[in-house]
Each structure stands twice: as structure tokens, then as C-alpha cells.
N, C-alpha and C. Protein backbone atom coordinates (compact mmCIF):
# COMPACT_ATOMS: atom_id res chain seq x y z
N MET A 1 10.17 8.40 7.16
CA MET A 1 8.96 8.95 6.58
C MET A 1 7.81 8.24 7.14
N ASN A 2 6.88 8.92 7.77
CA ASN A 2 5.68 8.28 8.34
C ASN A 2 4.50 9.08 7.77
N LYS A 3 3.74 8.40 6.90
CA LYS A 3 2.58 9.06 6.36
C LYS A 3 1.45 8.09 6.43
N ILE A 4 0.26 8.61 6.67
CA ILE A 4 -0.94 7.74 6.75
C ILE A 4 -1.79 7.92 5.52
N ILE A 5 -2.11 6.82 4.91
CA ILE A 5 -3.05 6.79 3.79
C ILE A 5 -4.38 6.32 4.18
N TYR A 6 -5.49 6.99 3.77
CA TYR A 6 -6.80 6.63 4.17
C TYR A 6 -7.60 6.11 2.94
N ALA A 7 -8.56 5.25 3.19
CA ALA A 7 -9.45 4.80 2.10
C ALA A 7 -10.90 4.70 2.63
N ARG A 8 -11.75 4.87 1.66
CA ARG A 8 -13.21 4.81 1.91
C ARG A 8 -13.65 3.48 1.27
N ILE A 9 -14.21 2.56 2.10
CA ILE A 9 -14.68 1.28 1.57
C ILE A 9 -16.18 1.21 1.74
N SER A 10 -16.85 0.84 0.68
CA SER A 10 -18.26 0.63 0.73
C SER A 10 -18.63 -0.80 0.33
N GLY A 11 -19.68 -1.33 0.93
CA GLY A 11 -20.11 -2.67 0.60
C GLY A 11 -21.42 -2.99 1.28
N ARG A 12 -21.71 -4.28 1.30
CA ARG A 12 -23.00 -4.74 1.89
C ARG A 12 -22.67 -6.10 2.57
N GLY A 13 -23.35 -6.34 3.66
CA GLY A 13 -23.16 -7.58 4.41
C GLY A 13 -21.95 -7.49 5.35
N GLU A 14 -21.33 -8.66 5.57
CA GLU A 14 -20.22 -8.73 6.53
C GLU A 14 -18.99 -8.06 5.95
N PHE A 15 -18.33 -7.20 6.75
CA PHE A 15 -17.11 -6.58 6.35
C PHE A 15 -16.00 -7.68 6.33
N PRO A 16 -15.20 -7.71 5.24
CA PRO A 16 -14.15 -8.71 5.13
C PRO A 16 -12.90 -8.40 6.00
N VAL A 17 -13.07 -8.74 7.29
CA VAL A 17 -12.03 -8.38 8.31
C VAL A 17 -10.65 -8.79 7.95
N ASP A 18 -10.51 -10.00 7.28
CA ASP A 18 -9.18 -10.42 6.96
C ASP A 18 -8.45 -9.54 6.01
N MET A 19 -9.22 -8.67 5.29
CA MET A 19 -8.58 -7.70 4.39
C MET A 19 -7.75 -6.65 5.15
N LEU A 20 -8.15 -6.41 6.39
CA LEU A 20 -7.35 -5.49 7.18
C LEU A 20 -5.90 -6.01 7.36
N ARG A 21 -5.80 -7.31 7.69
CA ARG A 21 -4.52 -7.93 7.80
C ARG A 21 -3.75 -7.92 6.49
N ARG A 22 -4.53 -8.29 5.48
CA ARG A 22 -3.79 -8.45 4.14
C ARG A 22 -3.25 -7.16 3.63
N ASP A 23 -4.02 -6.04 3.89
CA ASP A 23 -3.53 -4.74 3.41
C ASP A 23 -2.80 -3.87 4.48
N LEU A 24 -2.50 -4.53 5.62
CA LEU A 24 -1.83 -3.89 6.69
C LEU A 24 -2.48 -2.62 7.14
N CYS A 25 -3.79 -2.65 7.29
CA CYS A 25 -4.52 -1.42 7.61
C CYS A 25 -5.47 -1.71 8.84
N SER A 26 -6.06 -0.66 9.32
CA SER A 26 -6.95 -0.81 10.54
C SER A 26 -8.03 0.28 10.36
N PRO A 27 -9.09 0.14 11.15
CA PRO A 27 -10.18 1.12 11.10
C PRO A 27 -9.59 2.48 11.37
N ALA A 28 -10.03 3.49 10.62
CA ALA A 28 -9.53 4.83 10.70
C ALA A 28 -9.91 5.53 11.98
N THR A 29 -11.11 5.25 12.47
CA THR A 29 -11.61 5.92 13.73
C THR A 29 -12.35 4.82 14.62
N GLU A 30 -12.61 5.28 15.85
CA GLU A 30 -13.37 4.39 16.72
C GLU A 30 -14.78 4.09 16.14
N GLU A 31 -15.33 5.10 15.48
CA GLU A 31 -16.62 4.90 14.87
C GLU A 31 -16.55 3.81 13.80
N ASP A 32 -15.54 3.77 13.01
CA ASP A 32 -15.35 2.76 11.95
C ASP A 32 -15.19 1.34 12.61
N SER A 33 -14.54 1.25 13.75
CA SER A 33 -14.44 -0.03 14.46
C SER A 33 -15.82 -0.58 14.82
N GLY A 34 -16.64 0.31 15.33
CA GLY A 34 -18.01 -0.06 15.69
C GLY A 34 -18.81 -0.44 14.50
N LEU A 35 -18.64 0.24 13.37
CA LEU A 35 -19.37 -0.07 12.20
C LEU A 35 -19.02 -1.42 11.64
N ILE A 36 -17.75 -1.75 11.75
CA ILE A 36 -17.33 -3.07 11.32
C ILE A 36 -18.07 -4.14 12.08
N SER A 37 -18.09 -4.01 13.42
CA SER A 37 -18.80 -4.97 14.31
C SER A 37 -20.31 -5.11 13.90
N SER A 38 -20.88 -3.95 13.56
CA SER A 38 -22.30 -3.97 13.24
C SER A 38 -22.68 -4.64 11.94
N THR A 39 -21.64 -4.84 11.05
CA THR A 39 -21.89 -5.49 9.76
C THR A 39 -22.16 -6.97 9.98
N PHE A 40 -21.86 -7.57 11.07
CA PHE A 40 -22.05 -8.98 11.33
C PHE A 40 -23.47 -9.27 11.81
N LYS A 41 -24.21 -8.16 12.09
CA LYS A 41 -25.60 -8.33 12.58
C LYS A 41 -26.64 -7.93 11.54
N SER A 42 -26.18 -7.32 10.45
CA SER A 42 -27.12 -6.77 9.45
C SER A 42 -26.47 -6.94 8.07
N PHE A 43 -27.29 -6.99 7.03
CA PHE A 43 -26.72 -7.12 5.69
C PHE A 43 -26.98 -5.84 4.92
N ASP A 44 -27.10 -4.72 5.67
CA ASP A 44 -27.32 -3.42 5.06
C ASP A 44 -26.02 -2.91 4.40
N LYS A 45 -26.24 -1.85 3.56
CA LYS A 45 -25.02 -1.23 2.98
C LYS A 45 -24.28 -0.51 4.07
N TRP A 46 -22.97 -0.36 3.93
CA TRP A 46 -22.16 0.36 4.87
C TRP A 46 -21.00 1.07 4.13
N VAL A 47 -20.43 2.09 4.83
CA VAL A 47 -19.25 2.79 4.37
C VAL A 47 -18.34 2.85 5.61
N ILE A 48 -17.13 2.37 5.41
CA ILE A 48 -16.15 2.30 6.54
C ILE A 48 -14.82 2.90 5.97
N PHE A 49 -14.16 3.67 6.85
CA PHE A 49 -12.85 4.20 6.48
C PHE A 49 -11.82 3.45 7.22
N VAL A 50 -10.65 3.23 6.45
CA VAL A 50 -9.51 2.52 7.04
C VAL A 50 -8.28 3.42 6.84
N LYS A 51 -7.19 3.04 7.60
CA LYS A 51 -5.92 3.80 7.44
C LYS A 51 -4.77 2.83 7.41
N ARG A 52 -3.76 3.23 6.71
CA ARG A 52 -2.54 2.44 6.58
C ARG A 52 -1.37 3.37 6.67
N PRO A 53 -0.43 3.07 7.64
CA PRO A 53 0.77 3.86 7.68
C PRO A 53 1.76 3.39 6.62
N LEU A 54 2.38 4.31 5.99
CA LEU A 54 3.44 4.01 5.00
C LEU A 54 4.80 4.22 5.67
N LEU A 55 5.63 3.22 5.58
CA LEU A 55 6.94 3.31 6.24
C LEU A 55 8.05 3.63 5.24
N GLU A 56 7.71 3.65 3.98
CA GLU A 56 8.72 4.09 2.98
C GLU A 56 8.06 4.94 1.90
N ARG A 57 8.86 5.63 1.16
CA ARG A 57 8.37 6.50 0.14
C ARG A 57 7.50 5.78 -0.92
N ARG A 58 6.48 6.34 -1.37
CA ARG A 58 5.60 5.76 -2.35
C ARG A 58 5.71 6.52 -3.68
N ARG A 59 5.86 5.70 -4.76
CA ARG A 59 5.84 6.32 -6.07
C ARG A 59 4.42 6.81 -6.39
N LYS A 60 4.31 7.82 -7.20
CA LYS A 60 3.01 8.52 -7.41
C LYS A 60 1.83 7.57 -7.71
N ASN A 61 1.92 6.60 -8.66
CA ASN A 61 0.82 5.80 -9.03
C ASN A 61 0.85 4.41 -8.42
N ASP A 62 1.73 4.14 -7.41
CA ASP A 62 1.71 2.84 -6.81
C ASP A 62 0.50 2.66 -5.94
N PRO A 63 -0.20 1.58 -6.11
CA PRO A 63 -1.38 1.30 -5.26
C PRO A 63 -0.96 0.97 -3.85
N VAL A 64 -1.69 1.35 -2.85
CA VAL A 64 -1.43 0.98 -1.46
C VAL A 64 -2.34 -0.13 -1.03
N PHE A 65 -3.57 -0.16 -1.57
CA PHE A 65 -4.54 -1.16 -1.21
C PHE A 65 -4.75 -2.16 -2.39
N THR A 66 -5.06 -3.36 -2.09
CA THR A 66 -5.26 -4.39 -3.12
C THR A 66 -6.69 -4.25 -3.62
N ILE A 67 -6.91 -3.33 -4.53
CA ILE A 67 -8.29 -2.94 -4.99
C ILE A 67 -9.03 -4.16 -5.55
N GLY A 68 -8.38 -5.00 -6.39
CA GLY A 68 -9.02 -6.17 -7.00
C GLY A 68 -9.51 -7.14 -5.93
N ARG A 69 -8.73 -7.34 -4.89
CA ARG A 69 -9.11 -8.22 -3.82
C ARG A 69 -10.31 -7.70 -3.07
N TRP A 70 -10.33 -6.40 -2.75
CA TRP A 70 -11.49 -5.77 -2.07
C TRP A 70 -12.70 -5.97 -3.00
N ASN A 71 -12.54 -5.74 -4.27
CA ASN A 71 -13.68 -5.87 -5.21
C ASN A 71 -14.23 -7.34 -5.19
N SER A 72 -13.32 -8.30 -5.00
CA SER A 72 -13.73 -9.74 -5.04
C SER A 72 -14.66 -10.02 -3.80
N PHE A 73 -14.67 -9.20 -2.84
CA PHE A 73 -15.53 -9.29 -1.70
C PHE A 73 -16.78 -8.44 -1.88
N GLY A 74 -16.98 -7.88 -3.08
CA GLY A 74 -18.14 -6.99 -3.26
C GLY A 74 -17.93 -5.59 -2.73
N CYS A 75 -16.74 -5.20 -2.43
CA CYS A 75 -16.45 -3.87 -1.88
C CYS A 75 -15.86 -2.96 -2.93
N GLU A 76 -16.13 -1.60 -2.77
CA GLU A 76 -15.48 -0.62 -3.53
C GLU A 76 -14.60 0.13 -2.62
N ILE A 77 -13.32 0.34 -3.00
CA ILE A 77 -12.33 1.01 -2.18
C ILE A 77 -11.78 2.20 -2.97
N VAL A 78 -11.75 3.36 -2.27
CA VAL A 78 -11.23 4.58 -2.93
C VAL A 78 -10.31 5.29 -1.92
N GLU A 79 -9.11 5.66 -2.35
CA GLU A 79 -8.24 6.41 -1.50
C GLU A 79 -8.87 7.81 -1.27
N VAL A 80 -8.77 8.29 -0.04
CA VAL A 80 -9.25 9.62 0.36
C VAL A 80 -8.23 10.33 1.17
N SER A 81 -8.42 11.63 1.31
CA SER A 81 -7.40 12.40 2.06
C SER A 81 -7.61 12.41 3.58
N SER A 82 -8.88 12.04 4.00
CA SER A 82 -9.23 12.09 5.38
C SER A 82 -10.37 11.10 5.68
N PRO A 83 -10.43 10.54 6.89
CA PRO A 83 -11.52 9.67 7.27
C PRO A 83 -12.79 10.41 7.52
N TYR A 84 -12.79 11.70 7.47
CA TYR A 84 -13.93 12.48 7.69
C TYR A 84 -14.55 13.05 6.36
N GLN A 85 -13.83 12.80 5.25
CA GLN A 85 -14.25 13.20 3.97
C GLN A 85 -15.38 12.28 3.43
N ASP A 86 -16.48 12.83 2.99
CA ASP A 86 -17.55 12.00 2.40
C ASP A 86 -18.14 10.96 3.41
N ARG A 87 -18.04 11.25 4.68
CA ARG A 87 -18.59 10.31 5.68
C ARG A 87 -20.13 10.48 5.64
N PRO A 88 -20.90 9.41 5.44
CA PRO A 88 -22.33 9.50 5.45
C PRO A 88 -22.82 9.89 6.87
N ALA A 89 -23.90 10.64 6.89
CA ALA A 89 -24.51 11.00 8.15
C ALA A 89 -25.20 9.76 8.75
N LEU A 90 -25.10 9.60 10.10
CA LEU A 90 -25.81 8.47 10.76
C LEU A 90 -27.24 8.82 10.80
N VAL A 91 -28.05 7.86 10.51
CA VAL A 91 -29.51 8.01 10.51
C VAL A 91 -30.08 7.57 11.80
């Protein structure tokens, strides 16, 4: 079973890169990779999408991401069906 789970993460300041390792995820798109880099130059608000492959079946309400840990970095994380859903327009 190979399924990819996506999440929308919003925050301010530097993106907590170590959370990618902790939650076994990566930027969902090339655009998200670039956005992560840009967070180290500015303390503006950002929205970044990540993806995580699931290698085994998931029970319906089992969390995939460590929500409390993301929250401790001042981030909000919400599971989404696609990295293109609710993507803010670039200004």
C-alpha cells in the first residue's frame, strides 16, 4: 500500500526544518522547497505544503503528523487532499 498524505502548514518566521525529519515528510512541490528557503530571510507569514508517504494501512482517526509538536513551533498544520488545495496566490 503506497498512499501519500498531504498537509498545509502555516506559520511565521523560520520554517522548523527538523520537523520534516521528525514527521518523515518532505516539501510537497518544488515551490514549497523554495518557500522553505525563503523563510530564513524574512519573518513574514507563510503557507507551505508537505507530503508523507504511508507504507502501511492507517486507521481512520490515527494522526499522521505530530500536530502538538508543530504547534510548539508556532505552526498550524491541517491535513489536506492535495498540495494545490487552498494554496495562496503569490503576490
